[in-house]
Amino acid sequence: ETASIASYDYVEKAHSMGIQVWGLCNDFAPDMKIGKVLSRTSRRERLEKNLLAEAIRYSLDGINIDFEKVPSDSAVDYRQFIRELSIECRKAGVVFSLDNYVPRPYNAQYSRDVQAECADYVVVMGYDEHYAGGDEAGSVASIDFVTDGIDGTLKEVPKEKLINALPFYTRLWMESTDENGNVKLSSKTYSMQGALDIVAELGTGMEWDEEVGQYVAFGEVDGVKYSIWLEEDESIKAKMKVVRERELAGISGWCLGMEKPSVWDVITE
């Protein structure tokens, strides 16, 4: 079952401001088994036709594929999907792009080499270094993690096609110990401003950490240890420096509305 939240009004407003709209297709639904969809020619073709139909219906300028649950044994199917969809997009004059994790041996099924051949743009998601539910508190996107992600992707994708996705969010980590000495780690996602507000509220102050390229804050309140690696103008500036040095095609952000408005000045600069 597919669901669409495409909106004529949104596209019209964006176009009136001179902004292109690339429709996003993801596999985030909890019961979604993207491997099953991609494994059958008929299912792939149906998905491809539906995407192109939506693009034409809503005058979309592009399609962006954000599949994050492709199983490792679906590499051949995923490659086939990329090739098929790229042909349909080219015929329709629709920009074709795909989102990827930072390269690791366990996500080779995303076949960035085939993406580089077939897609107009390849996005590397330079975040979730430390993720919700993980067993370690840390940065969402330290400068080394972002740089390695870009450089690793550049081994297969030309710089003219590579887009680096910036995090517009961060995580506040909370660590508590119960009476039996068991440590419980949890986290909460905040927007850039929301994170700065919580640091002010905790009264911890923040310090620049050159190694991660971010301001960090640590504190303890009522036996709970708090830690946060902030995203704001300076951390984005550090990431943009790498983007500029590598001469990439551009940047994207996750997700719109969570950024501080001042960040756009840093990006434009």
Protein backbone atom coordinates (compact mmCIF):
# COMPACT_ATOMS: atom_id res chain seq x y z
CA GLU A 1 0.00 0.00 0.00
CA THR A 2 1.41 3.38 -0.91
CA ALA A 3 0.27 6.72 0.45
CA SER A 4 0.91 10.14 -1.02
CA ILE A 5 0.92 13.52 0.69
CA ALA A 6 1.66 15.41 -2.53
CA SER A 7 0.05 18.86 -2.66
CA TYR A 8 -0.64 21.11 -5.66
CA ASP A 9 -0.56 24.21 -3.43
CA TYR A 10 2.89 23.36 -2.08
CA VAL A 11 4.33 22.81 -5.55
CA GLU A 12 2.69 25.95 -6.94
CA LYS A 13 4.00 28.09 -4.08
CA ALA A 14 7.52 26.67 -4.45
CA HIS A 15 7.49 27.18 -8.22
CA SER A 16 6.28 30.77 -7.82
CA MET A 17 9.39 31.36 -5.66
CA GLY A 18 11.66 29.79 -8.25
CA ILE A 19 12.23 26.64 -6.18
CA GLN A 20 12.21 23.15 -7.68
CA VAL A 21 10.30 20.37 -5.92
CA TRP A 22 11.66 16.83 -5.75
CA GLY A 23 9.08 14.37 -4.48
CA LEU A 24 10.43 12.09 -1.73
CA CYS A 25 9.63 8.37 -1.70
CA ASN A 26 10.60 6.48 1.44
CA ASP A 27 10.20 3.04 3.01
CA PHE A 28 9.70 4.23 6.59
CA ALA A 29 6.28 2.64 7.22
CA PRO A 30 6.75 0.16 10.12
CA ASP A 31 5.45 -2.87 8.20
CA MET A 32 7.21 -1.95 4.94
CA LYS A 33 9.33 -4.72 3.42
CA ILE A 34 11.09 -2.90 0.59
CA GLY A 35 13.09 -6.02 -0.34
CA LYS A 36 9.84 -7.78 -1.28
CA VAL A 37 8.72 -4.84 -3.45
CA LEU A 38 12.01 -4.74 -5.33
CA SER A 39 12.33 -8.51 -5.84
CA ARG A 40 9.51 -8.83 -8.39
CA THR A 41 9.62 -7.13 -11.79
CA SER A 42 5.88 -6.46 -11.71
CA ARG A 43 6.05 -4.80 -8.27
CA ARG A 44 9.04 -2.68 -9.23
CA GLU A 45 7.37 -1.54 -12.43
CA ARG A 46 4.18 -0.64 -10.59
CA LEU A 47 6.15 1.49 -8.12
CA GLU A 48 8.11 3.16 -10.92
CA LYS A 49 4.95 3.93 -12.91
CA ASN A 50 3.20 5.31 -9.82
CA LEU A 51 6.14 7.59 -9.02
CA LEU A 52 6.26 8.98 -12.55
CA ALA A 53 2.48 9.43 -12.61
CA GLU A 54 2.68 11.46 -9.37
CA ALA A 55 5.57 13.51 -10.73
CA ILE A 56 3.60 14.38 -13.86
CA ARG A 57 0.35 14.97 -11.98
CA TYR A 58 1.89 17.41 -9.51
CA SER A 59 4.46 18.97 -11.91
CA LEU A 60 7.34 17.71 -9.75
CA ASP A 61 10.82 18.59 -10.97
CA GLY A 62 12.42 15.51 -9.49
CA ILE A 63 12.07 12.27 -7.55
CA ASN A 64 14.20 11.47 -4.51
CA ILE A 65 14.41 7.87 -3.30
CA ASP A 66 15.05 7.48 0.42
CA PHE A 67 15.03 3.73 1.01
CA GLU A 68 16.75 2.94 4.30
CA LYS A 69 15.66 -0.67 4.86
CA VAL A 70 17.07 -2.39 1.76
CA PRO A 71 18.27 -5.82 2.98
CA SER A 72 21.83 -6.88 2.13
CA ASP A 73 20.59 -9.73 -0.09
CA SER A 74 18.55 -7.29 -2.23
CA ALA A 75 21.54 -5.64 -3.92
CA VAL A 76 20.75 -7.03 -7.39
CA ASP A 77 17.08 -5.98 -7.12
CA TYR A 78 17.95 -2.50 -5.87
CA ARG A 79 20.42 -2.00 -8.73
CA GLN A 80 17.77 -3.07 -11.22
CA PHE A 81 15.28 -0.63 -9.67
CA ILE A 82 17.80 2.23 -9.99
CA ARG A 83 18.43 1.44 -13.66
CA GLU A 84 14.73 1.11 -14.53
CA LEU A 85 13.64 4.25 -12.68
CA SER A 86 16.51 6.30 -14.12
CA ILE A 87 15.36 5.50 -17.65
CA GLU A 88 11.76 6.52 -16.86
CA CYS A 89 12.92 9.75 -15.17
CA ARG A 90 15.16 10.65 -18.09
CA LYS A 91 12.34 10.11 -20.59
CA ALA A 92 10.04 12.32 -18.51
CA GLY A 93 12.69 15.01 -17.88
CA VAL A 94 12.52 14.42 -14.12
CA VAL A 95 15.63 14.83 -11.93
CA PHE A 96 16.51 11.52 -10.23
CA SER A 97 18.30 11.36 -6.89
CA LEU A 98 18.87 8.79 -4.13
CA ASP A 99 19.74 9.05 -0.43
CA ASN A 100 22.44 6.91 1.20
CA TYR A 101 24.03 6.10 4.49
CA VAL A 102 27.67 6.95 5.10
CA PRO A 103 29.50 4.04 3.35
CA ARG A 104 30.17 1.02 5.56
CA PRO A 105 30.91 -2.62 4.60
CA TYR A 106 27.41 -3.61 5.81
CA ASN A 107 25.56 -1.22 3.46
CA ALA A 108 27.31 -2.12 0.20
CA GLN A 109 23.93 -3.30 -1.17
CA TYR A 110 23.15 0.35 -1.98
CA SER A 111 25.56 0.05 -4.94
CA ARG A 112 26.74 3.65 -5.10
CA ASP A 113 28.65 2.83 -8.29
CA VAL A 114 25.38 2.07 -10.11
CA GLN A 115 23.78 5.16 -8.56
CA ALA A 116 26.68 7.21 -9.92
CA GLU A 117 26.04 5.85 -13.41
CA CYS A 118 22.27 6.23 -13.40
CA ALA A 119 21.22 9.06 -11.08
CA ASP A 120 21.52 12.82 -11.54
CA TYR A 121 22.42 13.28 -7.87
CA VAL A 122 23.53 11.00 -5.03
CA VAL A 123 22.95 12.19 -1.46
CA VAL A 124 25.08 11.06 1.49
CA MET A 125 23.23 11.43 4.80
CA GLY A 126 25.98 12.83 6.98
CA TYR A 127 24.26 12.20 10.32
CA ASP A 128 22.99 9.61 12.84
CA GLU A 129 26.56 8.79 13.86
CA HIS A 130 25.08 8.24 17.31
CA TYR A 131 21.43 7.27 16.93
CA ALA A 132 18.32 6.92 19.07
CA GLY A 133 18.38 3.56 20.80
CA GLY A 134 22.16 3.27 20.45
CA ASP A 135 24.25 2.25 23.45
CA GLU A 136 26.55 5.26 23.41
CA ALA A 137 25.94 8.99 23.81
CA GLY A 138 27.66 11.16 21.23
CA SER A 139 27.44 13.49 18.29
CA VAL A 140 24.85 13.09 15.55
CA ALA A 141 27.46 14.31 13.06
CA SER A 142 31.05 14.93 14.18
CA ILE A 143 33.27 16.57 11.58
CA ASP A 144 35.32 13.38 11.03
CA PHE A 145 32.17 11.31 10.51
CA VAL A 146 30.88 13.80 7.92
CA THR A 147 34.27 14.05 6.15
CA ASP A 148 34.70 10.25 6.03
CA GLY A 149 31.17 9.88 4.67
CA ILE A 150 31.86 12.34 1.88
CA ASP A 151 35.29 10.95 1.02
CA GLY A 152 34.04 7.35 1.15
CA THR A 153 31.20 8.19 -1.24
CA LEU A 154 33.53 10.12 -3.56
CA LYS A 155 35.39 6.85 -4.23
CA GLU A 156 32.36 5.81 -6.29
CA VAL A 157 30.41 9.00 -7.01
CA PRO A 158 31.81 12.02 -8.92
CA LYS A 159 31.77 15.28 -6.95
CA GLU A 160 29.48 16.96 -9.55
CA LYS A 161 26.76 14.48 -8.52
CA LEU A 162 27.34 14.35 -4.76
CA ILE A 163 25.11 16.18 -2.27
CA ASN A 164 25.96 16.17 1.44
CA ALA A 165 22.96 16.13 3.78
CA LEU A 166 23.40 18.26 6.91
CA PRO A 167 21.64 17.58 10.23
CA PHE A 168 19.26 20.35 11.32
CA TYR A 169 18.66 18.45 14.57
CA THR A 170 20.57 17.04 17.53
CA ARG A 171 19.98 14.67 20.45
CA LEU A 172 19.97 15.32 24.16
CA TRP A 173 21.31 12.24 25.95
CA MET A 174 20.15 11.30 29.45
CA GLU A 175 21.98 8.73 31.54
CA SER A 176 20.64 7.49 34.86
CA THR A 177 21.67 4.68 37.21
CA ASP A 178 19.06 2.73 39.20
CA GLU A 179 19.54 1.36 42.72
CA ASN A 180 20.97 -1.90 41.32
CA GLY A 181 23.66 0.00 39.44
CA ASN A 182 22.12 -0.52 36.00
CA VAL A 183 22.79 2.36 33.64
CA LYS A 184 19.92 3.48 31.43
CA LEU A 185 20.65 5.65 28.41
CA SER A 186 17.92 7.47 26.52
CA SER A 187 17.78 10.38 24.12
CA LYS A 188 15.43 13.01 22.81
CA THR A 189 15.61 14.80 19.46
CA TYR A 190 15.69 18.60 19.40
CA SER A 191 15.73 21.28 16.73
CA MET A 192 18.75 23.60 16.67
CA GLN A 193 17.00 26.31 18.69
CA GLY A 194 15.29 23.79 20.96
CA ALA A 195 18.70 22.34 21.85
CA LEU A 196 20.15 25.79 22.64
CA ASP A 197 17.09 26.51 24.81
CA ILE A 198 17.53 23.26 26.77
CA VAL A 199 21.23 24.04 27.38
CA ALA A 200 20.23 27.48 28.73
CA GLU A 201 17.58 25.80 30.89
CA LEU A 202 20.05 23.25 32.30
CA GLY A 203 22.49 26.09 32.90
CA THR A 204 25.48 23.98 31.91
CA GLY A 205 27.15 26.42 29.53
CA MET A 206 28.79 25.02 26.40
CA GLU A 207 32.31 24.58 25.12
CA TRP A 208 33.72 24.31 21.62
CA ASP A 209 35.21 20.87 20.96
CA GLU A 210 37.70 21.12 18.11
CA GLU A 211 37.84 17.36 17.66
CA VAL A 212 34.13 16.98 16.85
CA GLY A 213 33.75 20.49 15.35
CA GLN A 214 30.82 21.33 17.62
CA TYR A 215 29.83 23.01 20.86
CA VAL A 216 29.18 20.43 23.57
CA ALA A 217 27.41 20.68 26.90
CA PHE A 218 27.47 18.31 29.87
CA GLY A 219 25.58 18.57 33.12
CA GLU A 220 23.94 16.67 35.95
CA VAL A 221 20.53 17.37 37.44
CA ASP A 222 18.91 15.18 40.14
CA GLY A 223 21.25 12.28 39.46
CA VAL A 224 20.65 12.34 35.71
CA LYS A 225 23.68 13.04 33.52
CA TYR A 226 22.89 15.17 30.47
CA SER A 227 25.05 15.51 27.36
CA ILE A 228 24.47 17.22 24.04
CA TRP A 229 26.48 17.90 20.90
CA LEU A 230 25.00 21.02 19.36
CA GLU A 231 24.30 21.92 15.75
CA GLU A 232 24.28 25.66 15.08
CA ASP A 233 26.05 28.22 12.88
CA GLU A 234 29.61 27.25 13.81
CA SER A 235 29.17 23.48 13.42
CA ILE A 236 27.45 23.97 10.07
CA LYS A 237 30.26 26.31 9.01
CA ALA A 238 32.79 23.53 9.74
CA LYS A 239 30.78 21.05 7.65
CA MET A 240 30.31 23.56 4.81
CA LYS A 241 34.09 24.05 4.66
CA VAL A 242 34.47 20.34 3.79
CA VAL A 243 31.66 20.59 1.20
CA ARG A 244 33.37 23.58 -0.40
CA GLU A 245 36.85 22.03 -0.34
CA ARG A 246 35.54 18.86 -2.00
CA GLU A 247 33.60 20.98 -4.57
CA LEU A 248 30.39 18.98 -4.11
CA ALA A 249 27.19 19.60 -6.10
CA GLY A 250 25.42 20.97 -3.05
CA ILE A 251 23.85 20.26 0.33
CA SER A 252 20.52 19.12 1.66
CA GLY A 253 19.17 19.17 5.21
CA TRP A 254 17.15 16.96 7.53
CA CYS A 255 14.81 18.24 8.26
CA LEU A 256 13.39 21.52 7.08
CA GLY A 257 11.99 23.67 9.89
CA MET A 258 14.42 22.36 12.53
CA GLU A 259 17.22 24.71 11.45
CA LYS A 260 17.96 28.12 12.93
CA PRO A 261 17.23 30.77 10.25
CA SER A 262 20.80 32.11 10.62
CA VAL A 263 22.16 28.79 9.34
CA TRP A 264 21.05 29.73 5.82
CA ASP A 265 23.44 32.70 5.88
CA VAL A 266 26.27 30.31 6.73
CA ILE A 267 25.26 27.93 3.94
CA THR A 268 24.85 30.72 1.34
CA GLU A 269 28.20 32.25 2.30
